[in-house]
Every structure is written in structure tokens, then in C-alpha cells.
């Protein structure tokens, strides 16, 4: 299992700020590259991103409709950010509805 600074988590979120914050807390101390769908209402986006820890980096928003290229574009942006902004050698790709089944520490 890859842990610590070797692993970064890329999270694609659409809704449910409470669940997203729970996920981010569960991923501590890992770096999280967060993408919030551009279709998410601004008030929900702000609730999702206000006051996040420094280890969470929020990417530019892209519309990620079902079976649309936007989801691929968001994923590519996240991978680019991992390569440019972290020392991670592995990436766990997750949705905002996912949750780890074991501790990351």
C-alpha cells in the first residue's frame, strides 16, 4: 500500500458539502486535489471549499456531465496538478461520494 507523501487523492465532487468534508477529514494527512463540477451551484461550491486545510488544492471548475468529455478534462487537470504541485508518485481517483474503508495513516 502506498501512503504518506507518495499518495495524493484526486476527488471529483458534485454535491453534499458535508460528505465531502467528511471524506477530506478521513484522507488526512494526504494531499487532496479537489475538482467541483461547474454545474454545482455557487453557494454549494463555497460551502464545499470555504476554510479547507492547506493540503487541499481546488482546481478550476469544468462541467462534468454524465458521459461527457468534461469528466475526462477534470481528471487530466487533477493529474497535472498532482505532477506540478506534489511529490506524489501515485494517485487515488475518487468521487465526492467515496469513503476509504481503512485508515490512510
PDB file of N, CA and C in Angstrom:
ATOM      1  N   UNK A   1       0.842  -1.182   0.000  1.00  0.00           N
ATOM      2  CA  UNK A   1       0.000   0.000   0.000  1.00  0.00           C
ATOM      3  C   UNK A   1       0.886   1.243   0.000  1.00  0.00           C
ATOM      4  N   UNK A   2       0.532   2.248  -0.781  1.00  0.00           N
ATOM      5  CA  UNK A   2       1.289   3.491  -0.879  1.00  0.00           C
ATOM      6  C   UNK A   2       0.660   4.514   0.052  1.00  0.00           C
ATOM      7  N   UNK A   3       1.445   5.068   0.935  1.00  0.00           N
ATOM      8  CA  UNK A   3       0.914   6.036   1.893  1.00  0.00           C
ATOM      9  C   UNK A   3       1.804   7.281   1.941  1.00  0.00           C
ATOM     10  N   UNK A   4       1.404   8.210   2.790  1.00  0.00           N
ATOM     11  CA  UNK A   4       2.187   9.415   3.024  1.00  0.00           C
ATOM     12  C   UNK A   4       2.255  10.291   1.799  1.00  0.00           C
ATOM     13  N   UNK A   5       3.400  10.954   1.633  1.00  0.00           N
ATOM     14  CA  UNK A   5       3.541  11.910   0.546  1.00  0.00           C
ATOM     15  C   UNK A   5       3.572  11.232  -0.818  1.00  0.00           C
ATOM     16  N   UNK A   6       3.701   9.903  -0.864  1.00  0.00           N
ATOM     17  CA  UNK A   6       3.716   9.207  -2.141  1.00  0.00           C
ATOM     18  C   UNK A   6       2.332   9.133  -2.784  1.00  0.00           C
ATOM     19  N   UNK A   7       1.286   9.287  -1.996  1.00  0.00           N
ATOM     20  CA  UNK A   7      -0.077   9.170  -2.494  1.00  0.00           C
ATOM     21  C   UNK A   7      -0.802  10.504  -2.388  1.00  0.00           C
ATOM     22  N   UNK A   8      -1.424  10.889  -3.484  1.00  0.00           N
ATOM     23  CA  UNK A   8      -2.324  12.044  -3.483  1.00  0.00           C
ATOM     24  C   UNK A   8      -3.695  11.540  -3.909  1.00  0.00           C
ATOM     25  N   UNK A   9      -4.735  12.226  -3.481  1.00  0.00           N
ATOM     26  CA  UNK A   9      -6.104  11.849  -3.831  1.00  0.00           C
ATOM     27  C   UNK A   9      -6.711  12.927  -4.704  1.00  0.00           C
ATOM     28  N   UNK A  10      -7.210  12.528  -5.849  1.00  0.00           N
ATOM     29  CA  UNK A  10      -7.940  13.435  -6.725  1.00  0.00           C
ATOM     30  C   UNK A  10      -9.421  13.140  -6.520  1.00  0.00           C
ATOM     31  N   UNK A  11     -10.177  14.168  -6.152  1.00  0.00           N
ATOM     32  CA  UNK A  11     -11.591  13.990  -5.822  1.00  0.00           C
ATOM     33  C   UNK A  11     -12.435  14.838  -6.758  1.00  0.00           C
ATOM     34  N   UNK A  12     -13.390  14.198  -7.408  1.00  0.00           N
ATOM     35  CA  UNK A  12     -14.357  14.884  -8.264  1.00  0.00           C
ATOM     36  C   UNK A  12     -15.674  14.933  -7.502  1.00  0.00           C
ATOM     37  N   UNK A  13     -16.098  16.141  -7.135  1.00  0.00           N
ATOM     38  CA  UNK A  13     -17.308  16.304  -6.320  1.00  0.00           C
ATOM     39  C   UNK A  13     -18.374  17.093  -7.079  1.00  0.00           C
ATOM     40  N   UNK A  14     -19.625  16.792  -6.742  1.00  0.00           N
ATOM     41  CA  UNK A  14     -20.767  17.456  -7.383  1.00  0.00           C
ATOM     42  C   UNK A  14     -21.709  18.094  -6.370  1.00  0.00           C
ATOM     43  N   UNK A  15     -21.876  17.457  -5.214  1.00  0.00           N
ATOM     44  CA  UNK A  15     -22.878  17.883  -4.241  1.00  0.00           C
ATOM     45  C   UNK A  15     -22.473  17.391  -2.855  1.00  0.00           C
ATOM     46  N   UNK A  16     -23.277  17.690  -1.868  1.00  0.00           N
ATOM     47  CA  UNK A  16     -23.136  17.205  -0.500  1.00  0.00           C
ATOM     48  C   UNK A  16     -21.853  17.675   0.183  1.00  0.00           C
ATOM     49  N   UNK A  17     -21.795  18.959   0.524  1.00  0.00           N
ATOM     50  CA  UNK A  17     -20.620  19.509   1.197  1.00  0.00           C
ATOM     51  C   UNK A  17     -20.262  18.771   2.484  1.00  0.00           C
ATOM     52  N   UNK A  18     -21.259  18.314   3.228  1.00  0.00           N
ATOM     53  CA  UNK A  18     -20.988  17.621   4.490  1.00  0.00           C
ATOM     54  C   UNK A  18     -20.229  16.313   4.244  1.00  0.00           C
ATOM     55  N   UNK A  19     -20.666  15.534   3.269  1.00  0.00           N
ATOM     56  CA  UNK A  19     -19.972  14.286   2.927  1.00  0.00           C
ATOM     57  C   UNK A  19     -18.565  14.575   2.410  1.00  0.00           C
ATOM     58  N   UNK A  20     -18.422  15.608   1.578  1.00  0.00           N
ATOM     59  CA  UNK A  20     -17.107  15.948   1.046  1.00  0.00           C
ATOM     60  C   UNK A  20     -16.144  16.305   2.172  1.00  0.00           C
ATOM     61  N   UNK A  21     -16.580  17.088   3.127  1.00  0.00           N
ATOM     62  CA  UNK A  21     -15.716  17.463   4.258  1.00  0.00           C
ATOM     63  C   UNK A  21     -15.369  16.242   5.106  1.00  0.00           C
ATOM     64  N   UNK A  22     -16.298  15.323   5.247  1.00  0.00           N
ATOM     65  CA  UNK A  22     -16.030  14.077   5.980  1.00  0.00           C
ATOM     66  C   UNK A  22     -14.958  13.272   5.246  1.00  0.00           C
ATOM     67  N   UNK A  23     -15.060  13.187   3.927  1.00  0.00           N
ATOM     68  CA  UNK A  23     -14.070  12.486   3.122  1.00  0.00           C
ATOM     69  C   UNK A  23     -12.699  13.139   3.256  1.00  0.00           C
ATOM     70  N   UNK A  24     -12.644  14.453   3.140  1.00  0.00           N
ATOM     71  CA  UNK A  24     -11.365  15.169   3.241  1.00  0.00           C
ATOM     72  C   UNK A  24     -10.730  14.934   4.610  1.00  0.00           C
ATOM     73  N   UNK A  25     -11.531  14.944   5.660  1.00  0.00           N
ATOM     74  CA  UNK A  25     -11.004  14.678   7.006  1.00  0.00           C
ATOM     75  C   UNK A  25     -10.457  13.259   7.102  1.00  0.00           C
ATOM     76  N   UNK A  26     -11.142  12.299   6.485  1.00  0.00           N
ATOM     77  CA  UNK A  26     -10.704  10.906   6.538  1.00  0.00           C
ATOM     78  C   UNK A  26      -9.407  10.697   5.758  1.00  0.00           C
ATOM     79  N   UNK A  27      -9.117  11.551   4.794  1.00  0.00           N
ATOM     80  CA  UNK A  27      -7.916  11.422   3.973  1.00  0.00           C
ATOM     81  C   UNK A  27      -6.700  12.129   4.577  1.00  0.00           C
ATOM     82  N   UNK A  28      -6.868  12.771   5.713  1.00  0.00           N
ATOM     83  CA  UNK A  28      -5.762  13.465   6.375  1.00  0.00           C
ATOM     84  C   UNK A  28      -4.685  12.450   6.736  1.00  0.00           C
ATOM     85  N   UNK A  29      -3.448  12.648   6.417  1.00  0.00           N
ATOM     86  CA  UNK A  29      -2.746  13.863   6.010  1.00  0.00           C
ATOM     87  C   UNK A  29      -2.452  13.950   4.512  1.00  0.00           C
ATOM     88  N   UNK A  30      -3.125  13.174   3.683  1.00  0.00           N
ATOM     89  CA  UNK A  30      -2.833  13.151   2.253  1.00  0.00           C
ATOM     90  C   UNK A  30      -3.230  14.449   1.558  1.00  0.00           C
ATOM     91  N   UNK A  31      -2.499  14.780   0.505  1.00  0.00           N
ATOM     92  CA  UNK A  31      -2.869  15.898  -0.350  1.00  0.00           C
ATOM     93  C   UNK A  31      -4.110  15.510  -1.137  1.00  0.00           C
ATOM     94  N   UNK A  32      -5.056  16.430  -1.212  1.00  0.00           N
ATOM     95  CA  UNK A  32      -6.287  16.213  -1.975  1.00  0.00           C
ATOM     96  C   UNK A  32      -6.345  17.266  -3.074  1.00  0.00           C
ATOM     97  N   UNK A  33      -6.471  16.806  -4.304  1.00  0.00           N
ATOM     98  CA  UNK A  33      -6.710  17.690  -5.441  1.00  0.00           C
ATOM     99  C   UNK A  33      -8.214  17.621  -5.680  1.00  0.00           C
ATOM    100  N   UNK A  34      -8.902  18.729  -5.425  1.00  0.00           N
ATOM    101  CA  UNK A  34     -10.365  18.745  -5.460  1.00  0.00           C
ATOM    102  C   UNK A  34     -10.880  19.459  -6.698  1.00  0.00           C
ATOM    103  N   UNK A  35     -11.746  18.774  -7.413  1.00  0.00           N
ATOM    104  CA  UNK A  35     -12.463  19.396  -8.521  1.00  0.00           C
ATOM    105  C   UNK A  35     -13.953  19.375  -8.190  1.00  0.00           C
ATOM    106  N   UNK A  36     -14.582  20.541  -8.242  1.00  0.00           N
ATOM    107  CA  UNK A  36     -16.029  20.643  -8.037  1.00  0.00           C
ATOM    108  C   UNK A  36     -16.665  20.973  -9.380  1.00  0.00           C
ATOM    109  N   UNK A  37     -17.608  20.162  -9.795  1.00  0.00           N
ATOM    110  CA  UNK A  37     -18.301  20.323 -11.071  1.00  0.00           C
ATOM    111  C   UNK A  37     -18.781  21.766 -11.250  1.00  0.00           C
ATOM    112  N   UNK A  38     -18.563  22.310 -12.437  1.00  0.00           N
ATOM    113  CA  UNK A  38     -19.001  23.682 -12.735  1.00  0.00           C
ATOM    114  C   UNK A  38     -20.518  23.816 -12.672  1.00  0.00           C
ATOM    115  N   UNK A  39     -21.240  22.708 -12.768  1.00  0.00           N
ATOM    116  CA  UNK A  39     -22.703  22.736 -12.679  1.00  0.00           C
ATOM    117  C   UNK A  39     -23.194  22.836 -11.241  1.00  0.00           C
ATOM    118  N   UNK A  40     -22.310  22.636 -10.289  1.00  0.00           N
ATOM    119  CA  UNK A  40     -22.679  22.764  -8.877  1.00  0.00           C
ATOM    120  C   UNK A  40     -22.974  24.230  -8.588  1.00  0.00           C
ATOM    121  N   UNK A  41     -24.110  24.534  -7.944  1.00  0.00           N
ATOM    122  CA  UNK A  41     -24.429  25.933  -7.648  1.00  0.00           C
ATOM    123  C   UNK A  41     -23.313  26.604  -6.832  1.00  0.00           C
ATOM    124  N   UNK A  42     -23.116  27.896  -7.084  1.00  0.00           N
ATOM    125  CA  UNK A  42     -22.034  28.634  -6.427  1.00  0.00           C
ATOM    126  C   UNK A  42     -22.107  28.572  -4.908  1.00  0.00           C
ATOM    127  N   UNK A  43     -23.309  28.646  -4.333  1.00  0.00           N
ATOM    128  CA  UNK A  43     -23.407  28.605  -2.872  1.00  0.00           C
ATOM    129  C   UNK A  43     -22.947  27.246  -2.327  1.00  0.00           C
ATOM    130  N   UNK A  44     -23.238  26.171  -3.042  1.00  0.00           N
ATOM    131  CA  UNK A  44     -22.792  24.844  -2.633  1.00  0.00           C
ATOM    132  C   UNK A  44     -21.273  24.733  -2.804  1.00  0.00           C
ATOM    133  N   UNK A  45     -20.759  25.262  -3.905  1.00  0.00           N
ATOM    134  CA  UNK A  45     -19.309  25.275  -4.137  1.00  0.00           C
ATOM    135  C   UNK A  45     -18.595  25.985  -2.986  1.00  0.00           C
ATOM    136  N   UNK A  46     -19.096  27.134  -2.591  1.00  0.00           N
ATOM    137  CA  UNK A  46     -18.459  27.883  -1.500  1.00  0.00           C
ATOM    138  C   UNK A  46     -18.549  27.128  -0.175  1.00  0.00           C
ATOM    139  N   UNK A  47     -19.653  26.453   0.055  1.00  0.00           N
ATOM    140  CA  UNK A  47     -19.786  25.639   1.263  1.00  0.00           C
ATOM    141  C   UNK A  47     -18.792  24.477   1.238  1.00  0.00           C
ATOM    142  N   UNK A  48     -18.547  23.929   0.058  1.00  0.00           N
ATOM    143  CA  UNK A  48     -17.606  22.818  -0.083  1.00  0.00           C
ATOM    144  C   UNK A  48     -16.154  23.256   0.122  1.00  0.00           C
ATOM    145  N   UNK A  49     -15.833  24.479  -0.250  1.00  0.00           N
ATOM    146  CA  UNK A  49     -14.427  24.875  -0.323  1.00  0.00           C
ATOM    147  C   UNK A  49     -13.980  25.888   0.725  1.00  0.00           C
ATOM    148  N   UNK A  50     -14.891  26.493   1.438  1.00  0.00           N
ATOM    149  CA  UNK A  50     -14.509  27.512   2.424  1.00  0.00           C
ATOM    150  C   UNK A  50     -13.741  26.877   3.582  1.00  0.00           C
ATOM    151  N   UNK A  51     -12.588  27.449   3.900  1.00  0.00           N
ATOM    152  CA  UNK A  51     -11.847  27.030   5.077  1.00  0.00           C
ATOM    153  C   UNK A  51     -11.217  25.654   5.007  1.00  0.00           C
ATOM    154  N   UNK A  52     -10.946  25.161   3.815  1.00  0.00           N
ATOM    155  CA  UNK A  52     -10.310  23.848   3.690  1.00  0.00           C
ATOM    156  C   UNK A  52      -8.863  23.916   4.169  1.00  0.00           C
ATOM    157  N   UNK A  53      -8.311  22.783   4.637  1.00  0.00           N
ATOM    158  CA  UNK A  53      -6.907  22.781   5.043  1.00  0.00           C
ATOM    159  C   UNK A  53      -5.981  23.036   3.847  1.00  0.00           C
ATOM    160  N   UNK A  54      -4.760  23.464   4.138  1.00  0.00           N
ATOM    161  CA  UNK A  54      -3.791  23.787   3.083  1.00  0.00           C
ATOM    162  C   UNK A  54      -3.458  22.597   2.195  1.00  0.00           C
ATOM    163  N   UNK A  55      -3.660  21.389   2.666  1.00  0.00           N
ATOM    164  CA  UNK A  55      -3.331  20.191   1.886  1.00  0.00           C
ATOM    165  C   UNK A  55      -4.373  19.907   0.805  1.00  0.00           C
ATOM    166  N   UNK A  56      -5.457  20.703   0.763  1.00  0.00           N
ATOM    167  CA  UNK A  56      -6.494  20.548  -0.259  1.00  0.00           C
ATOM    168  C   UNK A  56      -6.325  21.657  -1.294  1.00  0.00           C
ATOM    169  N   UNK A  57      -6.123  21.264  -2.540  1.00  0.00           N
ATOM    170  CA  UNK A  57      -5.945  22.201  -3.642  1.00  0.00           C
ATOM    171  C   UNK A  57      -7.161  22.120  -4.554  1.00  0.00           C
ATOM    172  N   UNK A  58      -7.806  23.252  -4.797  1.00  0.00           N
ATOM    173  CA  UNK A  58      -9.034  23.278  -5.585  1.00  0.00           C
ATOM    174  C   UNK A  58      -8.705  23.701  -7.013  1.00  0.00           C
ATOM    175  N   UNK A  59      -9.018  22.830  -7.963  1.00  0.00           N
ATOM    176  CA  UNK A  59      -8.725  23.092  -9.373  1.00  0.00           C
ATOM    177  C   UNK A  59      -9.796  23.992  -9.991  1.00  0.00           C
ATOM    178  N   UNK A  60      -9.509  24.542 -11.162  1.00  0.00           N
ATOM    179  CA  UNK A  60     -10.555  25.267 -11.899  1.00  0.00           C
ATOM    180  C   UNK A  60     -11.720  24.329 -12.206  1.00  0.00           C
ATOM    181  N   UNK A  61     -12.910  24.891 -12.233  1.00  0.00           N
ATOM    182  CA  UNK A  61     -14.121  24.090 -12.426  1.00  0.00           C
ATOM    183  C   UNK A  61     -14.424  23.873 -13.899  1.00  0.00           C
ATOM    184  N   UNK A  62     -14.804  22.630 -14.209  1.00  0.00           N
ATOM    185  CA  UNK A  62     -15.202  22.220 -15.549  1.00  0.00           C
ATOM    186  C   UNK A  62     -16.543  21.510 -15.413  1.00  0.00           C
ATOM    187  N   UNK A  63     -17.434  21.704 -16.386  1.00  0.00           N
ATOM    188  CA  UNK A  63     -18.701  20.963 -16.371  1.00  0.00           C
ATOM    189  C   UNK A  63     -18.404  19.493 -16.664  1.00  0.00           C
ATOM    190  N   UNK A  64     -18.887  18.620 -15.789  1.00  0.00           N
ATOM    191  CA  UNK A  64     -18.570  17.185 -15.914  1.00  0.00           C
ATOM    192  C   UNK A  64     -19.847  16.367 -16.038  1.00  0.00           C
ATOM    193  N   UNK A  65     -20.624  16.671 -17.042  1.00  0.00           N
ATOM    194  CA  UNK A  65     -21.867  15.943 -17.263  1.00  0.00           C
ATOM    195  C   UNK A  65     -21.632  14.475 -17.543  1.00  0.00           C
ATOM    196  N   UNK A  66     -22.653  13.660 -17.311  1.00  0.00           N
ATOM    197  CA  UNK A  66     -22.581  12.223 -17.499  1.00  0.00           C
ATOM    198  C   UNK A  66     -22.185  11.893 -18.943  1.00  0.00           C
ATOM    199  N   UNK A  67     -21.197  11.031 -19.107  1.00  0.00           N
ATOM    200  CA  UNK A  67     -20.714  10.555 -20.408  1.00  0.00           C
ATOM    201  C   UNK A  67     -20.237  11.695 -21.303  1.00  0.00           C
ATOM    202  N   UNK A  68     -19.727  12.752 -20.692  1.00  0.00           N
ATOM    203  CA  UNK A  68     -19.219  13.898 -21.444  1.00  0.00           C
ATOM    204  C   UNK A  68     -17.715  14.016 -21.237  1.00  0.00           C
ATOM    205  N   UNK A  69     -17.037  14.693 -22.156  1.00  0.00           N
ATOM    206  CA  UNK A  69     -15.591  14.827 -22.063  1.00  0.00           C
ATOM    207  C   UNK A  69     -15.159  15.645 -20.851  1.00  0.00           C
ATOM    208  N   UNK A  70     -16.053  16.447 -20.299  1.00  0.00           N
ATOM    209  CA  UNK A  70     -15.697  17.265 -19.143  1.00  0.00           C
ATOM    210  C   UNK A  70     -15.134  16.460 -17.981  1.00  0.00           C
ATOM    211  N   UNK A  71     -15.648  15.269 -17.759  1.00  0.00           N
ATOM    212  CA  UNK A  71     -15.141  14.418 -16.680  1.00  0.00           C
ATOM    213  C   UNK A  71     -13.689  14.023 -16.958  1.00  0.00           C
ATOM    214  N   UNK A  72     -13.377  13.749 -18.204  1.00  0.00           N
ATOM    215  CA  UNK A  72     -12.004  13.422 -18.591  1.00  0.00           C
ATOM    216  C   UNK A  72     -11.119  14.649 -18.414  1.00  0.00           C
ATOM    217  N   UNK A  73     -11.616  15.812 -18.838  1.00  0.00           N
ATOM    218  CA  UNK A  73     -10.845  17.050 -18.697  1.00  0.00           C
ATOM    219  C   UNK A  73     -10.537  17.342 -17.232  1.00  0.00           C
ATOM    220  N   UNK A  74     -11.525  17.160 -16.354  1.00  0.00           N
ATOM    221  CA  UNK A  74     -11.315  17.387 -14.921  1.00  0.00           C
ATOM    222  C   UNK A  74     -10.275  16.431 -14.371  1.00  0.00           C
ATOM    223  N   UNK A  75     -10.324  15.177 -14.813  1.00  0.00           N
ATOM    224  CA  UNK A  75      -9.346  14.186 -14.363  1.00  0.00           C
ATOM    225  C   UNK A  75      -7.941  14.553 -14.834  1.00  0.00           C
ATOM    226  N   UNK A  76      -7.811  14.972 -16.082  1.00  0.00           N
ATOM    227  CA  UNK A  76      -6.499  15.362 -16.604  1.00  0.00           C
ATOM    228  C   UNK A  76      -5.934  16.572 -15.860  1.00  0.00           C
ATOM    229  N   UNK A  77      -6.793  17.538 -15.548  1.00  0.00           N
ATOM    230  CA  UNK A  77      -6.355  18.696 -14.764  1.00  0.00           C
ATOM    231  C   UNK A  77      -5.844  18.237 -13.408  1.00  0.00           C
ATOM    232  N   UNK A  78      -6.569  17.336 -12.771  1.00  0.00           N
ATOM    233  CA  UNK A  78      -6.162  16.839 -11.451  1.00  0.00           C
ATOM    234  C   UNK A  78      -4.806  16.147 -11.528  1.00  0.00           C
ATOM    235  N   UNK A  79      -4.596  15.299 -12.526  1.00  0.00           N
ATOM    236  CA  UNK A  79      -3.312  14.618 -12.678  1.00  0.00           C
ATOM    237  C   UNK A  79      -2.186  15.636 -12.902  1.00  0.00           C
ATOM    238  N   UNK A  80      -2.459  16.626 -13.731  1.00  0.00           N
ATOM    239  CA  UNK A  80      -1.463  17.674 -13.977  1.00  0.00           C
ATOM    240  C   UNK A  80      -1.102  18.392 -12.675  1.00  0.00           C
ATOM    241  N   UNK A  81      -2.104  18.710 -11.855  1.00  0.00           N
ATOM    242  CA  UNK A  81      -1.848  19.381 -10.586  1.00  0.00           C
ATOM    243  C   UNK A  81      -1.043  18.490  -9.647  1.00  0.00           C
ATOM    244  N   UNK A  82      -1.343  17.198  -9.624  1.00  0.00           N
ATOM    245  CA  UNK A  82      -0.564  16.279  -8.781  1.00  0.00           C
ATOM    246  C   UNK A  82       0.898  16.332  -9.205  1.00  0.00           C
ATOM    247  N   UNK A  83       1.162  16.245 -10.507  1.00  0.00           N
ATOM    248  CA  UNK A  83       2.537  16.256 -11.002  1.00  0.00           C
ATOM    249  C   UNK A  83       3.240  17.572 -10.736  1.00  0.00           C
ATOM    250  N   UNK A  84       2.534  18.691 -10.881  1.00  0.00           N
ATOM    251  CA  UNK A  84       3.144  20.011 -10.733  1.00  0.00           C
ATOM    252  C   UNK A  84       3.260  20.479  -9.289  1.00  0.00           C
ATOM    253  N   UNK A  85       2.355  20.041  -8.415  1.00  0.00           N
ATOM    254  CA  UNK A  85       2.249  20.644  -7.088  1.00  0.00           C
ATOM    255  C   UNK A  85       2.542  19.703  -5.925  1.00  0.00           C
ATOM    256  N   UNK A  86       2.826  18.426  -6.213  1.00  0.00           N
ATOM    257  CA  UNK A  86       3.081  17.476  -5.132  1.00  0.00           C
ATOM    258  C   UNK A  86       4.289  16.611  -5.478  1.00  0.00           C
ATOM    259  N   UNK A  87       4.726  15.842  -4.514  1.00  0.00           N
ATOM    260  CA  UNK A  87       5.789  14.864  -4.757  1.00  0.00           C
ATOM    261  C   UNK A  87       5.201  13.451  -4.862  1.00  0.00           C
ATOM    262  N   UNK A  88       3.901  13.357  -5.026  1.00  0.00           N
ATOM    263  CA  UNK A  88       3.225  12.056  -5.075  1.00  0.00           C
ATOM    264  C   UNK A  88       3.685  11.236  -6.275  1.00  0.00           C
ATOM    265  N   UNK A  89       3.766   9.939  -6.053  1.00  0.00           N
ATOM    266  CA  UNK A  89       4.091   9.006  -7.127  1.00  0.00           C
ATOM    267  C   UNK A  89       2.874   8.177  -7.538  1.00  0.00           C
ATOM    268  N   UNK A  90       1.791   8.277  -6.755  1.00  0.00           N
ATOM    269  CA  UNK A  90       0.554   7.547  -7.027  1.00  0.00           C
ATOM    270  C   UNK A  90      -0.631   8.476  -6.774  1.00  0.00           C
ATOM    271  N   UNK A  91      -1.727   8.199  -7.496  1.00  0.00           N
ATOM    272  CA  UNK A  91      -2.949   8.995  -7.345  1.00  0.00           C
ATOM    273  C   UNK A  91      -4.129   8.058  -7.150  1.00  0.00           C
ATOM    274  N   UNK A  92      -4.938   8.339  -6.145  1.00  0.00           N
ATOM    275  CA  UNK A  92      -6.210   7.642  -5.961  1.00  0.00           C
ATOM    276  C   UNK A  92      -7.300   8.563  -6.506  1.00  0.00           C
ATOM    277  N   UNK A  93      -8.004   8.098  -7.522  1.00  0.00           N
ATOM    278  CA  UNK A  93      -9.084   8.892  -8.133  1.00  0.00           C
ATOM    279  C   UNK A  93     -10.379   8.524  -7.433  1.00  0.00           C
ATOM    280  N   UNK A  94     -11.092   9.535  -6.910  1.00  0.00           N
ATOM    281  CA  UNK A  94     -12.287   9.293  -6.111  1.00  0.00           C
ATOM    282  C   UNK A  94     -13.395  10.269  -6.491  1.00  0.00           C
ATOM    283  N   UNK A  95     -14.615   9.894  -6.173  1.00  0.00           N
ATOM    284  CA  UNK A  95     -15.721  10.843  -6.264  1.00  0.00           C
ATOM    285  C   UNK A  95     -15.965  11.402  -4.870  1.00  0.00           C
ATOM    286  N   UNK A  96     -16.701  12.487  -4.796  1.00  0.00           N
ATOM    287  CA  UNK A  96     -17.037  13.070  -3.503  1.00  0.00           C
ATOM    288  C   UNK A  96     -17.925  12.177  -2.660  1.00  0.00           C
ATOM    289  N   UNK A  97     -18.491  11.141  -3.258  1.00  0.00           N
ATOM    290  CA  UNK A  97     -19.347  10.207  -2.524  1.00  0.00           C
ATOM    291  C   UNK A  97     -18.575   8.997  -2.004  1.00  0.00           C
ATOM    292  N   UNK A  98     -17.292   8.885  -2.362  1.00  0.00           N
ATOM    293  CA  UNK A  98     -16.478   7.758  -1.897  1.00  0.00           C
ATOM    294  C   UNK A  98     -16.053   7.974  -0.450  1.00  0.00           C
ATOM    295  N   UNK A  99     -15.552   6.879   0.152  1.00  0.00           N
ATOM    296  CA  UNK A  99     -15.045   6.961   1.524  1.00  0.00           C
ATOM    297  C   UNK A  99     -14.069   5.804   1.715  1.00  0.00           C
ATOM    298  N   UNK A 100     -12.895   6.064   2.308  1.00  0.00           N
ATOM    299  CA  UNK A 100     -11.929   4.980   2.483  1.00  0.00           C
ATOM    300  C   UNK A 100     -12.449   3.913   3.450  1.00  0.00           C
ATOM    301  N   UNK A 101     -12.130   2.661   3.159  1.00  0.00           N
ATOM    302  CA  UNK A 101     -12.590   1.574   4.025  1.00  0.00           C
ATOM    303  C   UNK A 101     -11.568   1.267   5.121  1.00  0.00           C
ATOM    304  N   UNK A 102     -10.349   1.800   4.979  1.00  0.00           N
ATOM    305  CA  UNK A 102      -9.352   1.690   6.031  1.00  0.00           C
ATOM    306  C   UNK A 102      -8.724   3.062   6.232  1.00  0.00           C
ATOM    307  N   UNK A 103      -8.059   3.235   7.351  1.00  0.00           N
ATOM    308  CA  UNK A 103      -7.382   4.493   7.653  1.00  0.00           C
ATOM    309  C   UNK A 103      -6.246   4.727   6.672  1.00  0.00           C
ATOM    310  N   UNK A 104      -5.995   5.969   6.336  1.00  0.00           N
ATOM    311  CA  UNK A 104      -4.888   6.295   5.428  1.00  0.00           C
ATOM    312  C   UNK A 104      -3.576   6.471   6.177  1.00  0.00           C
ATOM    313  N   UNK A 105      -3.599   6.392   7.496  1.00  0.00           N
ATOM    314  CA  UNK A 105      -2.357   6.530   8.265  1.00  0.00           C
ATOM    315  C   UNK A 105      -1.915   5.215   8.846  1.00  0.00           C
TER     316      UNK A 105
END
